[in-house]
Amino acid sequence: MKSWVKCVNNTIVEGPVGSLEKPEGEVYEDYVEYIENIHLPPNHGPITVTVELVGGKCVKTVTAEPSYQAQRAAAYPGLGDQMDMLWHAMDTGVLPKVEPFYTDILNIKTQYPKPEQ
């Protein structure tokens, strides 16, 4: 179902309202179609709302940037990669070997070696 807003001199003065009851073919010149575009990512930050007349229609757009938590979470390497970084830091002596973590991973890497490329 379409929604409508009433405009006077390109200014929105009322709405949005639901279906306008009108005889077939009759036009309400003061009313334009109302469209909502909502783009909200999960864990979003501050919201921006714009309402403007575009091509004879009233368009409301709601957007937001992801929160810093969502951006940071997306930027981290996967947990497997993080664990591999820690293991290699231990293996090269950058970090002390933490047991049994180091030896368990070493045994798996020895049993299933990475193929040569």
Protein backbone atom coordinates (compact mmCIF):
# COMPACT_ATOMS: atom_id res chain seq x y z
CA MET A 1 0.00 0.00 0.00
CA LYS A 2 1.37 3.41 -0.94
CA SER A 3 1.71 6.26 1.51
CA TRP A 4 1.40 9.93 0.72
CA VAL A 5 2.49 13.32 2.04
CA LYS A 6 0.85 16.68 1.43
CA CYS A 7 3.09 19.34 -0.10
CA VAL A 8 2.47 23.06 -0.47
CA ASN A 9 5.03 25.10 -2.45
CA ASN A 10 7.47 22.14 -2.38
CA THR A 11 7.26 21.98 1.41
CA ILE A 12 5.96 18.91 3.21
CA VAL A 13 3.12 20.04 5.47
CA GLU A 14 1.39 16.79 6.40
CA GLY A 15 1.90 13.06 6.35
CA PRO A 16 2.72 10.45 5.72
CA VAL A 17 -0.81 9.09 5.41
CA GLY A 18 -1.97 5.74 4.16
CA SER A 19 -4.15 5.07 1.17
CA LEU A 20 -6.05 8.08 -0.16
CA GLU A 21 -9.64 7.23 -0.97
CA LYS A 22 -10.43 8.84 -4.31
CA PRO A 23 -12.55 8.12 -7.36
CA GLU A 24 -10.70 6.35 -10.18
CA GLY A 25 -8.65 8.80 -12.21
CA GLU A 26 -8.96 11.72 -9.79
CA VAL A 27 -5.63 13.28 -8.80
CA TYR A 28 -4.80 14.92 -5.50
CA GLU A 29 -2.35 17.54 -6.69
CA ASP A 30 -1.23 18.48 -3.18
CA TYR A 31 -0.17 14.91 -2.36
CA VAL A 32 2.94 13.06 -3.52
CA GLU A 33 3.97 9.47 -2.97
CA TYR A 34 6.01 8.83 0.19
CA ILE A 35 8.89 6.35 0.04
CA GLU A 36 11.13 5.21 2.91
CA ASN A 37 14.64 3.90 2.33
CA ILE A 38 16.09 2.47 5.53
CA HIS A 39 19.71 1.28 5.56
CA LEU A 40 20.81 0.38 9.09
CA PRO A 41 23.72 -2.02 9.57
CA PRO A 42 23.78 -4.19 12.69
CA ASN A 43 25.34 -2.45 15.70
CA HIS A 44 25.07 0.89 13.98
CA GLY A 45 26.28 4.24 15.23
CA PRO A 46 24.47 7.58 14.95
CA ILE A 47 21.52 7.70 12.53
CA THR A 48 21.12 10.23 9.73
CA VAL A 49 17.61 11.00 8.42
CA THR A 50 16.94 13.00 5.26
CA VAL A 51 13.57 13.87 3.77
CA GLU A 52 13.48 15.41 0.32
CA LEU A 53 11.32 15.72 -2.78
CA VAL A 54 12.85 13.67 -5.58
CA GLY A 55 11.21 13.30 -8.98
CA GLY A 56 7.80 14.29 -7.66
CA LYS A 57 7.99 11.89 -4.71
CA CYS A 58 8.83 12.42 -1.07
CA VAL A 59 11.79 10.22 -0.16
CA LYS A 60 12.82 9.61 3.45
CA THR A 61 16.26 8.01 3.77
CA VAL A 62 17.55 6.63 7.06
CA THR A 63 21.22 5.65 7.15
CA ALA A 64 23.90 5.00 9.72
CA GLU A 65 27.55 4.11 9.81
CA PRO A 66 28.51 0.92 11.60
CA SER A 67 29.55 1.49 15.20
CA TYR A 68 33.24 1.43 16.03
CA GLN A 69 32.65 -1.98 17.66
CA ALA A 70 31.26 -3.42 14.42
CA GLN A 71 34.06 -1.85 12.35
CA ARG A 72 36.69 -3.16 14.74
CA ALA A 73 35.18 -6.67 14.84
CA ALA A 74 35.11 -6.82 11.03
CA ALA A 75 38.73 -5.68 10.82
CA TYR A 76 40.17 -8.33 13.14
CA PRO A 77 41.64 -11.42 11.51
CA GLY A 78 39.71 -14.63 12.12
CA LEU A 79 40.33 -16.46 15.40
CA GLY A 80 42.23 -19.21 13.58
CA ASP A 81 44.59 -16.62 12.07
CA GLN A 82 45.03 -14.93 15.46
CA MET A 83 45.90 -18.25 17.10
CA ASP A 84 48.34 -19.04 14.29
CA MET A 85 50.05 -15.65 14.82
CA LEU A 86 50.46 -16.42 18.52
CA TRP A 87 51.84 -19.90 17.81
CA HIS A 88 54.37 -18.54 15.28
CA ALA A 89 55.43 -15.83 17.75
CA MET A 90 56.10 -18.60 20.29
CA ASP A 91 57.82 -20.81 17.70
CA THR A 92 60.23 -18.01 16.69
CA GLY A 93 60.94 -16.98 20.29
CA VAL A 94 59.15 -13.60 20.17
CA LEU A 95 56.87 -14.87 22.95
CA PRO A 96 57.62 -17.54 25.56
CA LYS A 97 56.13 -20.95 24.78
CA VAL A 98 52.85 -21.42 26.63
CA GLU A 99 52.17 -25.06 27.43
CA PRO A 100 50.29 -27.20 26.59
CA PHE A 101 49.12 -24.84 23.80
CA TYR A 102 52.48 -24.74 21.98
CA THR A 103 53.20 -28.48 22.07
CA ASP A 104 49.64 -29.48 21.11
CA ILE A 105 49.72 -27.22 18.05
CA LEU A 106 53.26 -28.36 17.15
CA ASN A 107 52.08 -32.01 17.23
CA ILE A 108 49.16 -31.22 14.89
CA LYS A 109 51.40 -29.23 12.50
CA THR A 110 53.90 -32.12 12.47
CA GLN A 111 51.19 -34.74 11.85
CA TYR A 112 49.53 -32.68 9.09
CA PRO A 113 52.26 -30.59 7.45
CA LYS A 114 51.38 -27.70 5.14
CA PRO A 115 51.83 -28.77 1.51
CA GLU A 116 54.64 -27.05 -0.36
CA GLN A 117 53.44 -24.59 -2.97
